[in-house]
């Protein structure tokens, strides 16, 4: 009978560990989904920042040399 009790205890411990692992996996999945959403948002923002912007119909230049005052 002692062997059966030991097996039951080991099985119970394994079930507890499996339950904790499932919970951890669910939490990690949620983190990955949230991080992917943040990455997608950042990609959209970077794409918008890379596009030449127009203010008042004039295209802004991104070359610093084009922005030097005329006396240089």
N, C-alpha and C. Protein backbone atom coordinates (compact mmCIF):
# COMPACT_ATOMS: atom_id res chain seq x y z
N UNK A 1 0.82 -1.20 0.00
CA UNK A 1 0.00 0.00 0.00
C UNK A 1 0.86 1.26 0.00
N UNK A 2 2.03 1.17 0.58
CA UNK A 2 2.90 2.32 0.65
C UNK A 2 3.32 2.76 -0.76
N UNK A 3 3.52 1.81 -1.65
CA UNK A 3 3.92 2.10 -3.03
C UNK A 3 2.78 2.83 -3.76
N UNK A 4 1.54 2.44 -3.53
CA UNK A 4 0.40 3.09 -4.16
C UNK A 4 0.25 4.53 -3.65
N UNK A 5 0.47 4.75 -2.37
CA UNK A 5 0.38 6.10 -1.80
C UNK A 5 1.45 7.00 -2.40
N UNK A 6 2.67 6.44 -2.55
CA UNK A 6 3.77 7.20 -3.13
C UNK A 6 3.47 7.57 -4.58
N UNK A 7 2.90 6.63 -5.33
CA UNK A 7 2.54 6.87 -6.72
C UNK A 7 1.44 7.92 -6.81
N UNK A 8 0.46 7.85 -5.94
CA UNK A 8 -0.61 8.85 -5.93
C UNK A 8 -0.07 10.24 -5.63
N UNK A 9 0.86 10.32 -4.67
CA UNK A 9 1.44 11.61 -4.31
C UNK A 9 2.26 12.17 -5.48
N UNK A 10 3.02 11.31 -6.13
CA UNK A 10 3.82 11.75 -7.28
C UNK A 10 2.91 12.22 -8.42
N UNK A 11 1.82 11.48 -8.64
CA UNK A 11 0.88 11.86 -9.69
C UNK A 11 0.22 13.20 -9.37
N UNK A 12 -0.14 13.40 -8.12
CA UNK A 12 -0.74 14.67 -7.69
C UNK A 12 0.25 15.81 -7.90
N UNK A 13 1.51 15.61 -7.53
CA UNK A 13 2.52 16.64 -7.72
C UNK A 13 2.71 16.98 -9.20
N UNK A 14 2.69 15.96 -10.04
CA UNK A 14 2.82 16.19 -11.48
C UNK A 14 1.62 16.96 -12.03
N UNK A 15 0.43 16.66 -11.55
CA UNK A 15 -0.76 17.38 -11.98
C UNK A 15 -0.70 18.84 -11.56
N UNK A 16 -0.19 19.09 -10.37
CA UNK A 16 -0.05 20.48 -9.88
C UNK A 16 0.94 21.23 -10.76
N UNK A 17 2.08 20.59 -11.03
CA UNK A 17 3.09 21.23 -11.89
C UNK A 17 2.54 21.50 -13.28
N UNK A 18 1.80 20.55 -13.83
CA UNK A 18 1.22 20.73 -15.16
C UNK A 18 0.24 21.89 -15.17
N UNK A 19 -0.52 22.03 -14.11
CA UNK A 19 -1.48 23.13 -14.00
C UNK A 19 -0.76 24.48 -13.96
N UNK A 20 0.30 24.57 -13.16
CA UNK A 20 1.08 25.80 -13.09
C UNK A 20 1.72 26.11 -14.45
N UNK A 21 2.22 25.09 -15.13
CA UNK A 21 2.84 25.29 -16.43
C UNK A 21 1.82 25.79 -17.47
N UNK A 22 0.61 25.28 -17.43
CA UNK A 22 -0.44 25.74 -18.34
C UNK A 22 -0.77 27.20 -18.08
N UNK A 23 -0.85 27.57 -16.81
CA UNK A 23 -1.13 28.96 -16.45
C UNK A 23 0.00 29.87 -16.92
N UNK A 24 1.23 29.46 -16.71
CA UNK A 24 2.38 30.24 -17.15
C UNK A 24 2.39 30.39 -18.67
N UNK A 25 2.10 29.33 -19.37
CA UNK A 25 2.07 29.37 -20.83
C UNK A 25 0.99 30.34 -21.33
N UNK A 26 -0.16 30.34 -20.70
CA UNK A 26 -1.22 31.28 -21.07
C UNK A 26 -0.77 32.73 -20.85
N UNK A 27 -0.10 32.99 -19.74
CA UNK A 27 0.38 34.34 -19.45
C UNK A 27 1.44 34.76 -20.46
N UNK A 28 2.35 33.85 -20.81
CA UNK A 28 3.38 34.17 -21.78
C UNK A 28 2.78 34.42 -23.16
N UNK A 29 1.76 33.67 -23.52
CA UNK A 29 1.06 33.91 -24.79
C UNK A 29 0.46 35.31 -24.83
N UNK A 30 -0.13 35.74 -23.72
CA UNK A 30 -0.71 37.08 -23.65
C UNK A 30 0.36 38.15 -23.80
N UNK A 31 1.52 37.92 -23.19
CA UNK A 31 2.63 38.87 -23.30
C UNK A 31 3.09 38.97 -24.76
N UNK A 32 3.21 37.83 -25.43
CA UNK A 32 3.65 37.82 -26.82
C UNK A 32 2.65 38.55 -27.71
N UNK A 33 1.37 38.34 -27.49
CA UNK A 33 0.35 39.03 -28.29
C UNK A 33 0.44 40.54 -28.06
N UNK A 34 0.59 40.95 -26.82
CA UNK A 34 0.69 42.38 -26.51
C UNK A 34 1.96 42.98 -27.13
N UNK A 35 3.07 42.26 -27.06
CA UNK A 35 4.31 42.76 -27.64
C UNK A 35 4.19 42.86 -29.16
N UNK A 36 3.54 41.92 -29.79
CA UNK A 36 3.37 41.97 -31.24
C UNK A 36 2.52 43.16 -31.64
N UNK A 37 1.49 43.46 -30.85
CA UNK A 37 0.67 44.64 -31.12
C UNK A 37 1.50 45.92 -31.01
N UNK A 38 2.37 45.98 -30.01
CA UNK A 38 3.24 47.14 -29.84
C UNK A 38 4.22 47.26 -31.00
N UNK A 39 4.77 46.13 -31.43
CA UNK A 39 5.71 46.13 -32.56
C UNK A 39 5.00 46.61 -33.82
N UNK A 40 3.80 46.13 -34.06
CA UNK A 40 3.04 46.55 -35.24
C UNK A 40 2.78 48.06 -35.21
N UNK A 41 2.42 48.58 -34.05
CA UNK A 41 2.18 50.01 -33.91
C UNK A 41 3.46 50.80 -34.18
N UNK A 42 4.57 50.35 -33.63
CA UNK A 42 5.83 51.05 -33.84
C UNK A 42 6.27 51.01 -35.30
N UNK A 43 6.02 49.91 -35.97
CA UNK A 43 6.36 49.82 -37.40
C UNK A 43 5.54 50.83 -38.19
N UNK A 44 4.25 50.95 -37.86
CA UNK A 44 3.41 51.94 -38.55
C UNK A 44 3.91 53.36 -38.29
N UNK A 45 4.29 53.64 -37.06
CA UNK A 45 4.77 54.98 -36.72
C UNK A 45 6.09 55.28 -37.44
N UNK A 46 7.00 54.33 -37.47
CA UNK A 46 8.28 54.54 -38.16
C UNK A 46 8.05 54.74 -39.65
N UNK A 47 7.13 53.97 -40.22
CA UNK A 47 6.81 54.12 -41.64
C UNK A 47 6.28 55.53 -41.92
N UNK A 48 5.41 56.02 -41.05
CA UNK A 48 4.88 57.38 -41.22
C UNK A 48 5.99 58.43 -41.07
N UNK A 49 6.89 58.22 -40.14
CA UNK A 49 7.98 59.17 -39.93
C UNK A 49 8.95 59.20 -41.10
N UNK A 50 9.09 58.09 -41.78
CA UNK A 50 10.01 58.03 -42.92
C UNK A 50 9.43 58.67 -44.17
N UNK A 51 8.13 58.80 -44.23
CA UNK A 51 7.50 59.42 -45.39
C UNK A 51 7.74 60.91 -45.34
N UNK A 52 8.04 61.51 -46.51
CA UNK A 52 8.23 62.97 -46.49
C UNK A 52 6.92 63.64 -46.11
N UNK A 53 7.01 64.55 -45.18
CA UNK A 53 5.80 65.24 -44.75
C UNK A 53 5.66 66.54 -45.53
N UNK A 54 4.46 66.98 -45.67
CA UNK A 54 4.20 68.23 -46.36
C UNK A 54 3.51 69.18 -45.41
N UNK A 55 4.02 70.41 -45.40
CA UNK A 55 3.40 71.45 -44.58
C UNK A 55 3.13 72.64 -45.49
N UNK A 56 1.89 72.94 -45.67
CA UNK A 56 1.52 74.06 -46.52
C UNK A 56 1.88 73.83 -47.98
N UNK A 57 1.90 72.60 -48.42
CA UNK A 57 2.21 72.30 -49.80
C UNK A 57 3.70 72.24 -50.09
N UNK A 58 4.54 72.55 -49.12
CA UNK A 58 5.99 72.51 -49.31
C UNK A 58 6.53 71.24 -48.68
N UNK A 59 7.30 70.50 -49.45
CA UNK A 59 7.87 69.26 -48.93
C UNK A 59 9.08 69.58 -48.07
N UNK A 60 9.11 69.06 -46.89
CA UNK A 60 10.24 69.27 -46.00
C UNK A 60 11.40 68.41 -46.45
N UNK A 61 12.59 68.96 -46.37
CA UNK A 61 13.77 68.20 -46.73
C UNK A 61 14.35 67.56 -45.48
N UNK A 62 14.99 66.44 -45.66
CA UNK A 62 15.60 65.77 -44.52
C UNK A 62 17.11 65.86 -44.57
N UNK A 63 17.66 66.50 -45.60
CA UNK A 63 19.09 66.67 -45.73
C UNK A 63 19.51 67.91 -44.95
N UNK A 64 20.35 67.78 -43.93
CA UNK A 64 20.76 68.94 -43.13
C UNK A 64 21.47 70.00 -43.97
N UNK A 65 22.16 69.61 -45.04
CA UNK A 65 22.86 70.57 -45.90
C UNK A 65 21.87 71.53 -46.56
N UNK A 66 20.67 71.02 -46.87
CA UNK A 66 19.66 71.86 -47.49
C UNK A 66 19.09 72.89 -46.51
N UNK A 67 19.30 72.69 -45.23
CA UNK A 67 18.75 73.57 -44.22
C UNK A 67 19.76 74.61 -43.73
N UNK A 68 20.98 74.63 -44.30
CA UNK A 68 21.97 75.61 -43.88
C UNK A 68 21.57 77.01 -44.32
N UNK A 69 21.90 78.01 -43.54
CA UNK A 69 21.60 79.39 -43.93
C UNK A 69 22.39 79.74 -45.21
N UNK A 70 21.94 80.73 -45.97
CA UNK A 70 22.55 81.06 -47.23
C UNK A 70 24.00 81.51 -47.13
N UNK A 71 24.47 82.05 -46.00
CA UNK A 71 25.83 82.55 -45.91
C UNK A 71 26.88 81.45 -45.78
N UNK A 72 26.52 80.18 -45.77
CA UNK A 72 27.50 79.10 -45.70
C UNK A 72 27.86 78.60 -47.05
